[in-house]
Protein backbone atom coordinates (compact mmCIF):
# COMPACT_ATOMS: atom_id res chain seq x y z
CA MET A 1 0.35 0.13 -0.23
CA LEU A 2 1.27 3.37 -0.99
CA LYS A 3 -0.10 6.65 0.97
CA THR A 4 -0.17 10.30 0.09
CA ALA A 5 -1.61 13.38 2.39
CA ASN A 6 -4.39 12.72 0.63
CA ASN A 7 -4.83 9.18 -1.03
CA PHE A 8 -4.07 5.31 -0.71
CA TYR A 9 -3.04 3.58 -2.94
CA PHE A 10 -3.16 -0.75 -2.81
CA VAL A 11 -0.91 -2.44 -5.22
CA TYR A 12 -1.63 -5.99 -6.44
CA GLU A 13 -0.21 -8.74 -8.31
CA TYR A 14 -1.11 -9.04 -12.24
CA CYS A 15 -3.65 -12.01 -12.02
CA ASN A 16 -3.48 -13.56 -15.23
CA GLY A 17 -6.46 -15.72 -15.26
CA GLY A 18 -8.95 -12.86 -14.78
CA THR A 19 -11.68 -12.98 -12.11
CA LEU A 20 -13.73 -16.48 -11.34
CA ASP A 21 -17.02 -14.41 -12.89
CA LYS A 22 -15.35 -14.26 -16.04
CA LEU A 23 -14.05 -17.70 -16.19
CA MET A 24 -17.32 -19.19 -15.19
CA GLN A 25 -19.06 -17.34 -18.12
CA LYS A 26 -16.31 -18.20 -20.72
CA GLU A 27 -16.50 -22.10 -19.47
CA GLY A 28 -20.19 -22.47 -17.88
CA PRO A 29 -20.52 -24.37 -14.67
CA PHE A 30 -17.39 -26.60 -13.37
CA PRO A 31 -16.85 -30.46 -12.88
CA GLU A 32 -17.44 -31.03 -9.73
CA LYS A 33 -13.78 -31.74 -9.42
CA ARG A 34 -12.45 -28.44 -11.01
CA ALA A 35 -15.29 -26.60 -8.57
CA LEU A 36 -14.03 -28.42 -5.49
CA ILE A 37 -10.15 -27.25 -6.07
CA PHE A 38 -11.00 -23.54 -6.14
CA PHE A 39 -13.25 -23.68 -3.41
CA LYS A 40 -10.42 -25.67 -1.59
CA GLN A 41 -8.38 -22.66 -2.25
CA ILE A 42 -11.38 -19.93 -1.26
CA VAL A 43 -11.73 -21.68 2.26
CA GLU A 44 -8.32 -21.55 2.58
CA ALA A 45 -8.17 -18.07 2.25
CA PHE A 46 -11.47 -17.81 4.33
CA LYS A 47 -10.09 -19.34 7.06
CA ILE A 48 -6.46 -16.45 6.75
CA LEU A 49 -9.00 -13.66 6.78
CA SER A 50 -11.16 -15.69 9.93
CA ARG A 51 -7.77 -15.76 12.18
CA SER A 52 -6.60 -12.39 10.98
CA ASN A 53 -10.10 -11.27 12.32
CA ILE A 54 -10.61 -9.47 9.03
CA MET A 55 -14.91 -9.88 7.84
CA HIS A 56 -14.23 -9.47 4.51
CA ARG A 57 -18.10 -8.84 3.40
CA ASP A 58 -18.34 -8.87 -0.38
CA ILE A 59 -17.31 -12.33 -1.33
CA LYS A 60 -18.10 -13.31 -4.49
CA PRO A 61 -16.90 -13.99 -8.02
CA ASP A 62 -16.09 -11.10 -9.00
CA ASN A 63 -13.83 -10.83 -5.87
CA ILE A 64 -12.04 -13.64 -6.83
CA LEU A 65 -8.70 -13.60 -9.04
CA ILE A 66 -6.95 -16.61 -10.90
CA ASN A 67 -3.04 -16.41 -11.30
CA ASN A 68 -1.70 -19.48 -13.11
CA GLY A 69 -4.60 -21.73 -11.35
CA THR A 70 -4.21 -20.24 -7.89
CA ILE A 71 -7.31 -18.02 -6.19
CA LYS A 72 -6.59 -14.86 -4.85
CA ILE A 73 -9.36 -12.94 -2.67
CA ALA A 74 -9.49 -9.26 -3.96
CA ASP A 75 -11.60 -6.01 -3.20
CA PHE A 76 -11.17 -5.34 0.70
CA GLY A 77 -12.46 -1.96 0.23
CA PHE A 78 -15.87 -3.81 2.47
CA CYS A 79 -13.40 -5.20 4.87
CA LYS A 80 -13.50 -4.83 8.66
CA PRO A 81 -10.79 -5.69 10.43
CA LEU A 82 -12.29 -6.91 14.12
CA GLU A 83 -11.30 -6.98 17.73
CA ASN A 84 -12.49 -10.54 18.04
CA ALA A 85 -13.75 -13.64 16.13
CA ASN A 86 -17.17 -12.78 17.40
CA GLU A 87 -17.30 -8.92 17.27
CA LEU A 88 -20.66 -8.47 15.38
CA ALA A 89 -21.17 -6.08 12.45
CA GLN A 90 -24.48 -4.13 11.18
CA THR A 91 -23.88 -2.50 8.33
CA MET A 92 -25.65 -3.67 4.76
CA LEU A 93 -22.70 -3.86 2.36
CA GLY A 94 -22.15 -6.48 -0.38
CA SER A 95 -23.46 -7.38 -3.51
CA PRO A 96 -27.17 -8.61 -2.41
CA ILE A 97 -27.18 -11.95 -4.44
CA TYR A 98 -23.98 -13.55 -1.66
CA MET A 99 -25.38 -11.85 0.88
CA ALA A 100 -26.50 -13.88 4.16
CA PRO A 101 -29.95 -13.21 5.04
CA GLU A 102 -29.19 -11.77 8.47
CA VAL A 103 -26.92 -9.03 6.12
CA ILE A 104 -30.00 -8.72 3.96
CA LYS A 105 -32.48 -8.43 6.81
CA GLY A 106 -30.58 -5.90 8.26
CA GLU A 107 -29.32 -7.93 11.36
CA ILE A 108 -26.69 -8.01 13.37
CA TYR A 109 -24.07 -10.53 12.36
CA THR A 110 -20.37 -11.96 12.67
CA MET A 111 -17.68 -13.07 9.59
CA LYS A 112 -20.00 -16.42 9.39
CA ALA A 113 -21.77 -14.17 7.34
CA ASP A 114 -19.07 -14.87 4.83
CA ILE A 115 -19.16 -18.53 4.84
CA TRP A 116 -22.73 -18.13 3.32
CA SER A 117 -21.30 -16.36 0.33
CA VAL A 118 -18.52 -18.73 0.22
CA GLY A 119 -21.18 -21.46 0.02
CA VAL A 120 -23.01 -19.24 -3.30
CA VAL A 121 -20.09 -19.10 -4.61
CA LEU A 122 -19.46 -22.71 -4.68
CA TYR A 123 -22.89 -23.33 -5.81
CA GLN A 124 -22.51 -21.35 -8.65
CA MET A 125 -19.19 -22.65 -9.70
CA VAL A 126 -21.19 -26.06 -9.82
CA PHE A 127 -24.49 -24.87 -11.82
CA GLY A 128 -23.67 -21.82 -13.15
CA LYS A 129 -26.42 -20.07 -11.52
CA CYS A 130 -27.03 -18.26 -8.04
CA PRO A 131 -29.06 -20.04 -6.10
CA PHE A 132 -31.68 -17.08 -5.47
C-alpha cells in the first residue's frame, strides 16, 4: 500500500487468469472436481482472513482472482478488521445475491456471514447460476 497526504493506493499483483466470474461466463458450470479445487483454495483464504479477524463482506466471483490456477481474494473495500472473531457488525454491505440472510434483513452478524457467501460461490461454480 502506498500513501500520500490525500490518498491510499493499493497495489495488487497481476492475475493472468482474470476473475472467477469471467472464467465461469466463458466456460459455464465447472465439473465438480474443478469446482472443489477452487473451493478448497477459497476456504483456505477464508481461514486466513478468519485467523486475522478480518470480515471481507463482499465475497463473490468478481472479487476472486486467478493467477496460474491459484485463487486470490481481492477487493477489501468493504472489509472490517475485528477485535475478535465474535465481534458483530450491522452495516449492510456487499452484493445482495451473495449476502447472508441476516445481512439483507439488516440484523447484526458476525464474520460467519462470509461463510454464506462462500457457499453461494460454490453453488454458482457447480450449477452455473446463483441459488436465488
